Amino acid sequence: MIFDAILLLAAPSTGTIGAIVAAAFFLTFIIVAYVAYKALLKTAKMGFRMAVVAVILLIAFFGSLSLWYLSIGGTAPNLRPPATRKG
C-alpha cells in the first residue's frame, strides 16, 4: 500500500535538483575555505589567509550560481511534430 503511494509521487523538477546541487557545491566550498583558513592559521599572515578564503568563496558563489542557472535554463519541449516531406 505504501509502495503504491510512493510510485504516485511526482519527480522533482530540474530547477529543484539544480538548486540542491548548487547548495551542495556551495557548502562543499565553504568547508574547503574553512579548512584552508585553519591550515594557514600558523603559517601565513592574515591578509594572505583572507585572500585565499575570498578566492575560494568567489569560486563557490559563482560556481553554484552557474550550476543553478544552467539547471533551470533547460530546453523547452518541442510542441509541434517534426515536418514531413510529401511527394
PDB file of N, CA and C in Angstrom:
ATOM      1  N   MET A   1       0.821  -1.187   0.000  1.00  0.00           N
ATOM      2  CA  MET A   1       0.000   0.000   0.000  1.00  0.00           C
ATOM      3  C   MET A   1       0.870   1.259   0.000  1.00  0.00           C
ATOM      4  N   ILE A   2       1.871   1.288   0.855  1.00  0.00           N
ATOM      5  CA  ILE A   2       2.758   2.452   0.913  1.00  0.00           C
ATOM      6  C   ILE A   2       3.599   2.530  -0.353  1.00  0.00           C
ATOM      7  N   PHE A   3       4.004   1.360  -0.866  1.00  0.00           N
ATOM      8  CA  PHE A   3       4.801   1.345  -2.089  1.00  0.00           C
ATOM      9  C   PHE A   3       4.014   1.938  -3.258  1.00  0.00           C
ATOM     10  N   ASP A   4       2.742   1.659  -3.336  1.00  0.00           N
ATOM     11  CA  ASP A   4       1.905   2.229  -4.389  1.00  0.00           C
ATOM     12  C   ASP A   4       1.819   3.748  -4.266  1.00  0.00           C
ATOM     13  N   ALA A   5       1.768   4.250  -3.059  1.00  0.00           N
ATOM     14  CA  ALA A   5       1.702   5.692  -2.843  1.00  0.00           C
ATOM     15  C   ALA A   5       3.024   6.354  -3.240  1.00  0.00           C
ATOM     16  N   ILE A   6       4.134   5.666  -3.022  1.00  0.00           N
ATOM     17  CA  ILE A   6       5.437   6.223  -3.403  1.00  0.00           C
ATOM     18  C   ILE A   6       5.533   6.358  -4.915  1.00  0.00           C
ATOM     19  N   LEU A   7       4.988   5.412  -5.644  1.00  0.00           N
ATOM     20  CA  LEU A   7       5.039   5.465  -7.100  1.00  0.00           C
ATOM     21  C   LEU A   7       4.240   6.628  -7.670  1.00  0.00           C
ATOM     22  N   LEU A   8       3.262   7.120  -6.934  1.00  0.00           N
ATOM     23  CA  LEU A   8       2.430   8.205  -7.425  1.00  0.00           C
ATOM     24  C   LEU A   8       3.013   9.590  -7.152  1.00  0.00           C
ATOM     25  N   LEU A   9       4.085   9.663  -6.393  1.00  0.00           N
ATOM     26  CA  LEU A   9       4.696  10.954  -6.097  1.00  0.00           C
ATOM     27  C   LEU A   9       5.337  11.526  -7.354  1.00  0.00           C
ATOM     28  N   ALA A  10       5.262  12.819  -7.498  1.00  0.00           N
ATOM     29  CA  ALA A  10       5.852  13.474  -8.659  1.00  0.00           C
ATOM     30  C   ALA A  10       7.355  13.604  -8.476  1.00  0.00           C
ATOM     31  N   ALA A  11       8.074  13.481  -9.563  1.00  0.00           N
ATOM     32  CA  ALA A  11       9.522  13.643  -9.541  1.00  0.00           C
ATOM     33  C   ALA A  11       9.851  15.123  -9.367  1.00  0.00           C
ATOM     34  N   PRO A  12      10.951  15.432  -8.693  1.00  0.00           N
ATOM     35  CA  PRO A  12      11.322  16.842  -8.541  1.00  0.00           C
ATOM     36  C   PRO A  12      11.707  17.451  -9.887  1.00  0.00           C
ATOM     37  N   SER A  13      11.464  18.722 -10.021  1.00  0.00           N
ATOM     38  CA  SER A  13      11.779  19.402 -11.277  1.00  0.00           C
ATOM     39  C   SER A  13      13.281  19.616 -11.392  1.00  0.00           C
ATOM     40  N   THR A  14      13.722  19.975 -12.585  1.00  0.00           N
ATOM     41  CA  THR A  14      15.147  20.199 -12.784  1.00  0.00           C
ATOM     42  C   THR A  14      15.625  21.418 -12.005  1.00  0.00           C
ATOM     43  N   GLY A  15      14.750  22.384 -11.797  1.00  0.00           N
ATOM     44  CA  GLY A  15      15.131  23.555 -11.002  1.00  0.00           C
ATOM     45  C   GLY A  15      15.393  23.182  -9.559  1.00  0.00           C
ATOM     46  N   THR A  16      14.589  22.272  -9.020  1.00  0.00           N
ATOM     47  CA  THR A  16      14.793  21.822  -7.644  1.00  0.00           C
ATOM     48  C   THR A  16      16.082  21.026  -7.519  1.00  0.00           C
ATOM     49  N   ILE A  17      16.310  20.129  -8.461  1.00  0.00           N
ATOM     50  CA  ILE A  17      17.540  19.340  -8.432  1.00  0.00           C
ATOM     51  C   ILE A  17      18.746  20.254  -8.599  1.00  0.00           C
ATOM     52  N   GLY A  18      18.646  21.232  -9.490  1.00  0.00           N
ATOM     53  CA  GLY A  18      19.750  22.173  -9.691  1.00  0.00           C
ATOM     54  C   GLY A  18      20.033  23.000  -8.452  1.00  0.00           C
ATOM     55  N   ALA A  19      18.980  23.396  -7.745  1.00  0.00           N
ATOM     56  CA  ALA A  19      19.176  24.161  -6.509  1.00  0.00           C
ATOM     57  C   ALA A  19      19.852  23.302  -5.446  1.00  0.00           C
ATOM     58  N   ILE A  20      19.492  22.028  -5.378  1.00  0.00           N
ATOM     59  CA  ILE A  20      20.116  21.134  -4.400  1.00  0.00           C
ATOM     60  C   ILE A  20      21.587  20.923  -4.744  1.00  0.00           C
ATOM     61  N   VAL A  21      21.889  20.715  -6.019  1.00  0.00           N
ATOM     62  CA  VAL A  21      23.281  20.528  -6.440  1.00  0.00           C
ATOM     63  C   VAL A  21      24.086  21.801  -6.189  1.00  0.00           C
ATOM     64  N   ALA A  22      23.511  22.952  -6.492  1.00  0.00           N
ATOM     65  CA  ALA A  22      24.203  24.221  -6.268  1.00  0.00           C
ATOM     66  C   ALA A  22      24.462  24.452  -4.778  1.00  0.00           C
ATOM     67  N   ALA A  23      23.492  24.119  -3.938  1.00  0.00           N
ATOM     68  CA  ALA A  23      23.680  24.280  -2.494  1.00  0.00           C
ATOM     69  C   ALA A  23      24.753  23.328  -1.974  1.00  0.00           C
ATOM     70  N   ALA A  24      24.766  22.111  -2.465  1.00  0.00           N
ATOM     71  CA  ALA A  24      25.797  21.157  -2.049  1.00  0.00           C
ATOM     72  C   ALA A  24      27.175  21.623  -2.505  1.00  0.00           C
ATOM     73  N   PHE A  25      27.273  22.160  -3.715  1.00  0.00           N
ATOM     74  CA  PHE A  25      28.530  22.699  -4.231  1.00  0.00           C
ATOM     75  C   PHE A  25      29.018  23.847  -3.351  1.00  0.00           C
ATOM     76  N   PHE A  26      28.105  24.747  -3.016  1.00  0.00           N
ATOM     77  CA  PHE A  26      28.465  25.900  -2.188  1.00  0.00           C
ATOM     78  C   PHE A  26      28.904  25.465  -0.790  1.00  0.00           C
ATOM     79  N   LEU A  27      28.159  24.543  -0.179  1.00  0.00           N
ATOM     80  CA  LEU A  27      28.532  24.074   1.162  1.00  0.00           C
ATOM     81  C   LEU A  27      29.871  23.344   1.161  1.00  0.00           C
ATOM     82  N   THR A  28      30.146  22.607   0.105  1.00  0.00           N
ATOM     83  CA  THR A  28      31.438  21.935  -0.007  1.00  0.00           C
ATOM     84  C   THR A  28      32.569  22.950  -0.029  1.00  0.00           C
ATOM     85  N   PHE A  29      32.409  23.995  -0.801  1.00  0.00           N
ATOM     86  CA  PHE A  29      33.460  25.000  -0.875  1.00  0.00           C
ATOM     87  C   PHE A  29      33.542  25.845   0.393  1.00  0.00           C
ATOM     88  N   ILE A  30      32.453  26.003   1.116  1.00  0.00           N
ATOM     89  CA  ILE A  30      32.517  26.680   2.422  1.00  0.00           C
ATOM     90  C   ILE A  30      33.407  25.869   3.363  1.00  0.00           C
ATOM     91  N   ILE A  31      33.230  24.563   3.352  1.00  0.00           N
ATOM     92  CA  ILE A  31      34.050  23.694   4.203  1.00  0.00           C
ATOM     93  C   ILE A  31      35.507  23.746   3.765  1.00  0.00           C
ATOM     94  N   VAL A  32      35.753  23.755   2.451  1.00  0.00           N
ATOM     95  CA  VAL A  32      37.124  23.854   1.948  1.00  0.00           C
ATOM     96  C   VAL A  32      37.752  25.175   2.382  1.00  0.00           C
ATOM     97  N   ALA A  33      37.002  26.262   2.327  1.00  0.00           N
ATOM     98  CA  ALA A  33      37.526  27.564   2.750  1.00  0.00           C
ATOM     99  C   ALA A  33      37.851  27.563   4.238  1.00  0.00           C
ATOM    100  N   TYR A  34      37.009  26.937   5.043  1.00  0.00           N
ATOM    101  CA  TYR A  34      37.259  26.874   6.486  1.00  0.00           C
ATOM    102  C   TYR A  34      38.513  26.066   6.777  1.00  0.00           C
ATOM    103  N   VAL A  35      38.658  24.942   6.106  1.00  0.00           N
ATOM    104  CA  VAL A  35      39.855  24.107   6.316  1.00  0.00           C
ATOM    105  C   VAL A  35      41.101  24.846   5.858  1.00  0.00           C
ATOM    106  N   ALA A  36      41.022  25.553   4.735  1.00  0.00           N
ATOM    107  CA  ALA A  36      42.178  26.320   4.254  1.00  0.00           C
ATOM    108  C   ALA A  36      42.538  27.422   5.237  1.00  0.00           C
ATOM    109  N   TYR A  37      41.547  28.079   5.793  1.00  0.00           N
ATOM    110  CA  TYR A  37      41.812  29.130   6.774  1.00  0.00           C
ATOM    111  C   TYR A  37      42.512  28.562   8.011  1.00  0.00           C
ATOM    112  N   LYS A  38      41.990  27.428   8.506  1.00  0.00           N
ATOM    113  CA  LYS A  38      42.600  26.817   9.685  1.00  0.00           C
ATOM    114  C   LYS A  38      43.995  26.276   9.391  1.00  0.00           C
ATOM    115  N   ALA A  39      44.217  25.758   8.174  1.00  0.00           N
ATOM    116  CA  ALA A  39      45.532  25.231   7.817  1.00  0.00           C
ATOM    117  C   ALA A  39      46.559  26.344   7.699  1.00  0.00           C
ATOM    118  N   LEU A  40      46.142  27.513   7.270  1.00  0.00           N
ATOM    119  CA  LEU A  40      47.067  28.631   7.107  1.00  0.00           C
ATOM    120  C   LEU A  40      47.173  29.503   8.355  1.00  0.00           C
ATOM    121  N   LEU A  41      46.547  29.097   9.419  1.00  0.00           N
ATOM    122  CA  LEU A  41      46.489  29.916  10.627  1.00  0.00           C
ATOM    123  C   LEU A  41      47.874  30.213  11.197  1.00  0.00           C
ATOM    124  N   LYS A  42      48.728  29.225  11.277  1.00  0.00           N
ATOM    125  CA  LYS A  42      50.041  29.413  11.894  1.00  0.00           C
ATOM    126  C   LYS A  42      51.116  29.828  10.900  1.00  0.00           C
ATOM    127  N   THR A  43      50.885  29.610   9.603  1.00  0.00           N
ATOM    128  CA  THR A  43      51.974  29.795   8.644  1.00  0.00           C
ATOM    129  C   THR A  43      51.873  31.065   7.806  1.00  0.00           C
ATOM    130  N   ALA A  44      50.717  31.660   7.680  1.00  0.00           N
ATOM    131  CA  ALA A  44      50.558  32.804   6.775  1.00  0.00           C
ATOM    132  C   ALA A  44      50.005  34.012   7.515  1.00  0.00           C
ATOM    133  N   LYS A  45      50.244  35.157   6.924  1.00  0.00           N
ATOM    134  CA  LYS A  45      49.715  36.396   7.503  1.00  0.00           C
ATOM    135  C   LYS A  45      48.215  36.484   7.231  1.00  0.00           C
ATOM    136  N   MET A  46      47.563  37.343   7.985  1.00  0.00           N
ATOM    137  CA  MET A  46      46.107  37.466   7.923  1.00  0.00           C
ATOM    138  C   MET A  46      45.628  37.886   6.539  1.00  0.00           C
ATOM    139  N   GLY A  47      46.295  38.812   5.899  1.00  0.00           N
ATOM    140  CA  GLY A  47      45.876  39.275   4.578  1.00  0.00           C
ATOM    141  C   GLY A  47      45.909  38.165   3.543  1.00  0.00           C
ATOM    142  N   PHE A  48      46.953  37.354   3.566  1.00  0.00           N
ATOM    143  CA  PHE A  48      47.053  36.241   2.626  1.00  0.00           C
ATOM    144  C   PHE A  48      45.985  35.193   2.891  1.00  0.00           C
ATOM    145  N   ARG A  49      45.728  34.918   4.163  1.00  0.00           N
ATOM    146  CA  ARG A  49      44.679  33.958   4.517  1.00  0.00           C
ATOM    147  C   ARG A  49      43.322  34.438   4.022  1.00  0.00           C
ATOM    148  N   MET A  50      43.028  35.704   4.223  1.00  0.00           N
ATOM    149  CA  MET A  50      41.750  36.250   3.788  1.00  0.00           C
ATOM    150  C   MET A  50      41.636  36.237   2.259  1.00  0.00           C
ATOM    151  N   ALA A  51      42.753  36.479   1.569  1.00  0.00           N
ATOM    152  CA  ALA A  51      42.725  36.442   0.110  1.00  0.00           C
ATOM    153  C   ALA A  51      42.436  35.030  -0.390  1.00  0.00           C
ATOM    154  N   VAL A  52      43.054  34.033   0.209  1.00  0.00           N
ATOM    155  CA  VAL A  52      42.814  32.644  -0.186  1.00  0.00           C
ATOM    156  C   VAL A  52      41.356  32.275   0.075  1.00  0.00           C
ATOM    157  N   VAL A  53      40.848  32.629   1.229  1.00  0.00           N
ATOM    158  CA  VAL A  53      39.457  32.323   1.565  1.00  0.00           C
ATOM    159  C   VAL A  53      38.502  33.079   0.641  1.00  0.00           C
ATOM    160  N   ALA A  54      38.815  34.316   0.311  1.00  0.00           N
ATOM    161  CA  ALA A  54      37.959  35.094  -0.589  1.00  0.00           C
ATOM    162  C   ALA A  54      37.909  34.472  -1.982  1.00  0.00           C
ATOM    163  N   VAL A  55      39.038  34.002  -2.478  1.00  0.00           N
ATOM    164  CA  VAL A  55      39.065  33.360  -3.795  1.00  0.00           C
ATOM    165  C   VAL A  55      38.234  32.080  -3.770  1.00  0.00           C
ATOM    166  N   ILE A  56      38.377  31.280  -2.729  1.00  0.00           N
ATOM    167  CA  ILE A  56      37.600  30.041  -2.614  1.00  0.00           C
ATOM    168  C   ILE A  56      36.113  30.346  -2.537  1.00  0.00           C
ATOM    169  N   LEU A  57      35.730  31.363  -1.769  1.00  0.00           N
ATOM    170  CA  LEU A  57      34.317  31.711  -1.660  1.00  0.00           C
ATOM    171  C   LEU A  57      33.753  32.296  -2.952  1.00  0.00           C
ATOM    172  N   LEU A  58      34.565  33.040  -3.711  1.00  0.00           N
ATOM    173  CA  LEU A  58      34.118  33.535  -5.008  1.00  0.00           C
ATOM    174  C   LEU A  58      33.875  32.382  -5.983  1.00  0.00           C
ATOM    175  N   ILE A  59      34.783  31.406  -5.971  1.00  0.00           N
ATOM    176  CA  ILE A  59      34.588  30.223  -6.810  1.00  0.00           C
ATOM    177  C   ILE A  59      33.312  29.503  -6.400  1.00  0.00           C
ATOM    178  N   ALA A  60      33.092  29.386  -5.096  1.00  0.00           N
ATOM    179  CA  ALA A  60      31.887  28.702  -4.607  1.00  0.00           C
ATOM    180  C   ALA A  60      30.628  29.451  -5.027  1.00  0.00           C
ATOM    181  N   PHE A  61      30.632  30.760  -4.878  1.00  0.00           N
ATOM    182  CA  PHE A  61      29.446  31.541  -5.199  1.00  0.00           C
ATOM    183  C   PHE A  61      29.113  31.481  -6.681  1.00  0.00           C
ATOM    184  N   PHE A  62      30.095  31.795  -7.528  1.00  0.00           N
ATOM    185  CA  PHE A  62      29.823  31.829  -8.958  1.00  0.00           C
ATOM    186  C   PHE A  62      29.626  30.435  -9.536  1.00  0.00           C
ATOM    187  N   GLY A  63      30.285  29.443  -8.980  1.00  0.00           N
ATOM    188  CA  GLY A  63      30.069  28.073  -9.428  1.00  0.00           C
ATOM    189  C   GLY A  63      28.676  27.581  -9.105  1.00  0.00           C
ATOM    190  N   SER A  64      28.223  27.830  -7.889  1.00  0.00           N
ATOM    191  CA  SER A  64      26.873  27.392  -7.526  1.00  0.00           C
ATOM    192  C   SER A  64      25.810  28.193  -8.269  1.00  0.00           C
ATOM    193  N   LEU A  65      26.061  29.460  -8.487  1.00  0.00           N
ATOM    194  CA  LEU A  65      25.126  30.277  -9.251  1.00  0.00           C
ATOM    195  C   LEU A  65      25.009  29.786 -10.687  1.00  0.00           C
ATOM    196  N   SER A  66      26.144  29.440 -11.303  1.00  0.00           N
ATOM    197  CA  SER A  66      26.091  28.948 -12.679  1.00  0.00           C
ATOM    198  C   SER A  66      25.452  27.564 -12.756  1.00  0.00           C
ATOM    199  N   LEU A  67      25.709  26.702 -11.777  1.00  0.00           N
ATOM    200  CA  LEU A  67      25.051  25.395 -11.757  1.00  0.00           C
ATOM    201  C   LEU A  67      23.538  25.547 -11.655  1.00  0.00           C
ATOM    202  N   TRP A  68      23.089  26.426 -10.802  1.00  0.00           N
ATOM    203  CA  TRP A  68      21.657  26.647 -10.636  1.00  0.00           C
ATOM    204  C   TRP A  68      21.051  27.244 -11.901  1.00  0.00           C
ATOM    205  N   TYR A  69      21.732  28.235 -12.482  1.00  0.00           N
ATOM    206  CA  TYR A  69      21.216  28.896 -13.678  1.00  0.00           C
ATOM    207  C   TYR A  69      21.125  27.926 -14.849  1.00  0.00           C
ATOM    208  N   LEU A  70      22.139  27.100 -15.023  1.00  0.00           N
ATOM    209  CA  LEU A  70      22.122  26.153 -16.128  1.00  0.00           C
ATOM    210  C   LEU A  70      21.084  25.056 -15.925  1.00  0.00           C
ATOM    211  N   SER A  71      20.750  24.760 -14.680  1.00  0.00           N
ATOM    212  CA  SER A  71      19.752  23.715 -14.445  1.00  0.00           C
ATOM    213  C   SER A  71      18.338  24.199 -14.735  1.00  0.00           C
ATOM    214  N   ILE A  72      18.072  25.488 -14.551  1.00  0.00           N
ATOM    215  CA  ILE A  72      16.719  25.984 -14.836  1.00  0.00           C
ATOM    216  C   ILE A  72      16.591  26.466 -16.268  1.00  0.00           C
ATOM    217  N   GLY A  73      17.670  26.595 -16.976  1.00  0.00           N
ATOM    218  CA  GLY A  73      17.619  27.077 -18.352  1.00  0.00           C
ATOM    219  C   GLY A  73      17.583  25.945 -19.355  1.00  0.00           C
ATOM    220  N   GLY A  74      16.944  24.857 -19.026  1.00  0.00           N
ATOM    221  CA  GLY A  74      16.876  23.701 -19.916  1.00  0.00           C
ATOM    222  C   GLY A  74      16.113  23.996 -21.193  1.00  0.00           C
ATOM    223  N   THR A  75      16.154  23.055 -22.087  1.00  0.00           N
ATOM    224  CA  THR A  75      15.480  23.246 -23.357  1.00  0.00           C
ATOM    225  C   THR A  75      13.981  23.033 -23.189  1.00  0.00           C
ATOM    226  N   ALA A  76      13.214  23.812 -23.882  1.00  0.00           N
ATOM    227  CA  ALA A  76      11.758  23.687 -23.843  1.00  0.00           C
ATOM    228  C   ALA A  76      11.340  22.541 -24.770  1.00  0.00           C
ATOM    229  N   PRO A  77      10.327  21.820 -24.397  1.00  0.00           N
ATOM    230  CA  PRO A  77       9.892  20.725 -25.263  1.00  0.00           C
ATOM    231  C   PRO A  77       9.304  21.256 -26.566  1.00  0.00           C
ATOM    232  N   ASN A  78       9.535  20.515 -27.626  1.00  0.00           N
ATOM    233  CA  ASN A  78       9.010  20.900 -28.928  1.00  0.00           C
ATOM    234  C   ASN A  78       7.546  20.479 -28.991  1.00  0.00           C
ATOM    235  N   LEU A  79       6.647  21.443 -29.138  1.00  0.00           N
ATOM    236  CA  LEU A  79       5.229  21.148 -29.106  1.00  0.00           C
ATOM    237  C   LEU A  79       4.683  20.760 -30.480  1.00  0.00           C
ATOM    238  N   ARG A  80       5.388  21.096 -31.546  1.00  0.00           N
ATOM    239  CA  ARG A  80       4.920  20.761 -32.892  1.00  0.00           C
ATOM    240  C   ARG A  80       5.601  19.485 -33.359  1.00  0.00           C
ATOM    241  N   PRO A  81       4.902  18.659 -34.102  1.00  0.00           N
ATOM    242  CA  PRO A  81       5.531  17.455 -34.636  1.00  0.00           C
ATOM    243  C   PRO A  81       6.551  17.823 -35.710  1.00  0.00           C
ATOM    244  N   PRO A  82       7.521  16.960 -35.955  1.00  0.00           N
ATOM    245  CA  PRO A  82       8.510  17.274 -36.986  1.00  0.00           C
ATOM    246  C   PRO A  82       7.879  17.336 -38.384  1.00  0.00           C
ATOM    247  N   ALA A  83       8.446  18.138 -39.228  1.00  0.00           N
ATOM    248  CA  ALA A  83       7.929  18.301 -40.578  1.00  0.00           C
ATOM    249  C   ALA A  83       8.183  17.040 -41.395  1.00  0.00           C
ATOM    250  N   THR A  84       7.233  16.695 -42.232  1.00  0.00           N
ATOM    251  CA  THR A  84       7.405  15.534 -43.109  1.00  0.00           C
ATOM    252  C   THR A  84       7.306  15.996 -44.558  1.00  0.00           C
ATOM    253  N   ARG A  85       8.090  15.355 -45.418  1.00  0.00           N
ATOM    254  CA  ARG A  85       8.092  15.714 -46.835  1.00  0.00           C
ATOM    255  C   ARG A  85       7.092  14.829 -47.563  1.00  0.00           C
ATOM    256  N   LYS A  86       6.316  15.430 -48.368  1.00  0.00           N
ATOM    257  CA  LYS A  86       5.366  14.691 -49.211  1.00  0.00           C
ATOM    258  C   LYS A  86       5.802  14.800 -50.663  1.00  0.00           C
ATOM    259  N   GLY A  87       5.789  13.703 -51.281  1.00  0.00           N
ATOM    260  CA  GLY A  87       5.990  13.780 -52.698  1.00  0.00           C
ATOM    261  C   GLY A  87       7.199  13.203 -53.179  1.00  0.00           C
TER     262      GLY A  87
END
